[in-house]
Amino acid sequence: MREEKTTADRLAAFSDAVFAVIVTVMVLELTAPDQPAFSALWPLWPTAISYAPP
């Protein structure tokens, strides 16, 4: 019983780590707009909303 729980905990920790790496790589691809105004962010909303959880 103890070994099954340890294996499940390790699998959960590994999947969390993989998810964290994937999200980090995805965020690195985001670029800042050229204009320093809030209106420059509107064209980027489809990209930003794609990172939201379902």
C-alpha atoms as a PDB file:
ATOM      1  CA  MET A   1       0.000   0.000   0.000  1.00  0.00           C
ATOM      2  CA  ARG A   2       2.774   2.453   0.921  1.00  0.00           C
ATOM      3  CA  GLU A   3       4.661   1.816  -2.326  1.00  0.00           C
ATOM      4  CA  GLU A   4       1.546   2.505  -4.414  1.00  0.00           C
ATOM      5  CA  LYS A   5       1.078   5.881  -2.729  1.00  0.00           C
ATOM      6  CA  THR A   6       4.732   6.756  -3.251  1.00  0.00           C
ATOM      7  CA  THR A   7       4.496   5.859  -6.933  1.00  0.00           C
ATOM      8  CA  ALA A   8       1.359   7.954  -7.353  1.00  0.00           C
ATOM      9  CA  ASP A   9       3.009  10.894  -5.585  1.00  0.00           C
ATOM     10  CA  ARG A  10       6.060  10.641  -7.814  1.00  0.00           C
ATOM     11  CA  LEU A  11       3.915  10.521 -10.936  1.00  0.00           C
ATOM     12  CA  ALA A  12       1.970  13.582  -9.791  1.00  0.00           C
ATOM     13  CA  ALA A  13       5.171  15.490  -9.040  1.00  0.00           C
ATOM     14  CA  PHE A  14       6.656  14.541 -12.403  1.00  0.00           C
ATOM     15  CA  SER A  15       3.550  15.608 -14.325  1.00  0.00           C
ATOM     16  CA  ASP A  16       3.493  18.911 -12.402  1.00  0.00           C
ATOM     17  CA  ALA A  17       7.118  19.518 -13.358  1.00  0.00           C
ATOM     18  CA  VAL A  18       6.466  18.747 -17.024  1.00  0.00           C
ATOM     19  CA  PHE A  19       3.481  21.103 -17.017  1.00  0.00           C
ATOM     20  CA  ALA A  20       5.574  23.867 -15.419  1.00  0.00           C
ATOM     21  CA  VAL A  21       8.280  23.532 -18.068  1.00  0.00           C
ATOM     22  CA  ILE A  22       5.724  23.606 -20.892  1.00  0.00           C
ATOM     23  CA  VAL A  23       4.009  26.719 -19.515  1.00  0.00           C
ATOM     24  CA  THR A  24       7.386  28.432 -19.086  1.00  0.00           C
ATOM     25  CA  VAL A  25       8.320  27.755 -22.710  1.00  0.00           C
ATOM     26  CA  MET A  26       4.933  29.034 -23.880  1.00  0.00           C
ATOM     27  CA  VAL A  27       5.309  32.271 -21.902  1.00  0.00           C
ATOM     28  CA  LEU A  28       8.780  32.879 -23.327  1.00  0.00           C
ATOM     29  CA  GLU A  29       7.202  33.187 -26.781  1.00  0.00           C
ATOM     30  CA  LEU A  30       5.040  36.149 -25.730  1.00  0.00           C
ATOM     31  CA  THR A  31       6.359  39.464 -26.990  1.00  0.00           C
ATOM     32  CA  ALA A  32       5.678  42.971 -25.759  1.00  0.00           C
ATOM     33  CA  PRO A  33       3.859  45.342 -28.110  1.00  0.00           C
ATOM     34  CA  ASP A  34       5.864  48.063 -29.867  1.00  0.00           C
ATOM     35  CA  GLN A  35       3.619  50.867 -28.621  1.00  0.00           C
ATOM     36  CA  PRO A  36       3.663  51.650 -24.886  1.00  0.00           C
ATOM     37  CA  ALA A  37      -0.116  52.073 -24.759  1.00  0.00           C
ATOM     38  CA  PHE A  38      -2.888  49.843 -23.444  1.00  0.00           C
ATOM     39  CA  SER A  39      -4.608  49.943 -26.854  1.00  0.00           C
ATOM     40  CA  ALA A  40      -1.631  48.073 -28.333  1.00  0.00           C
ATOM     41  CA  LEU A  41      -2.600  45.018 -26.262  1.00  0.00           C
ATOM     42  CA  TRP A  42      -5.971  44.507 -27.978  1.00  0.00           C
ATOM     43  CA  PRO A  43      -4.523  42.634 -31.003  1.00  0.00           C
ATOM     44  CA  LEU A  44      -2.817  40.226 -28.574  1.00  0.00           C
ATOM     45  CA  TRP A  45      -5.957  39.123 -26.709  1.00  0.00           C
ATOM     46  CA  PRO A  46      -6.449  35.877 -28.721  1.00  0.00           C
ATOM     47  CA  THR A  47      -2.935  34.786 -27.778  1.00  0.00           C
ATOM     48  CA  ALA A  48      -3.364  35.767 -24.141  1.00  0.00           C
ATOM     49  CA  ILE A  49      -6.757  34.062 -23.782  1.00  0.00           C
ATOM     50  CA  SER A  50      -5.368  30.848 -25.288  1.00  0.00           C
ATOM     51  CA  TYR A  51      -3.330  30.368 -22.084  1.00  0.00           C
ATOM     52  CA  ALA A  52      -6.428  30.508 -19.870  1.00  0.00           C
ATOM     53  CA  PRO A  53      -7.608  27.188 -18.439  1.00  0.00           C
ATOM     54  CA  PRO A  54     -10.853  25.764 -19.831  1.00  0.00           C
END
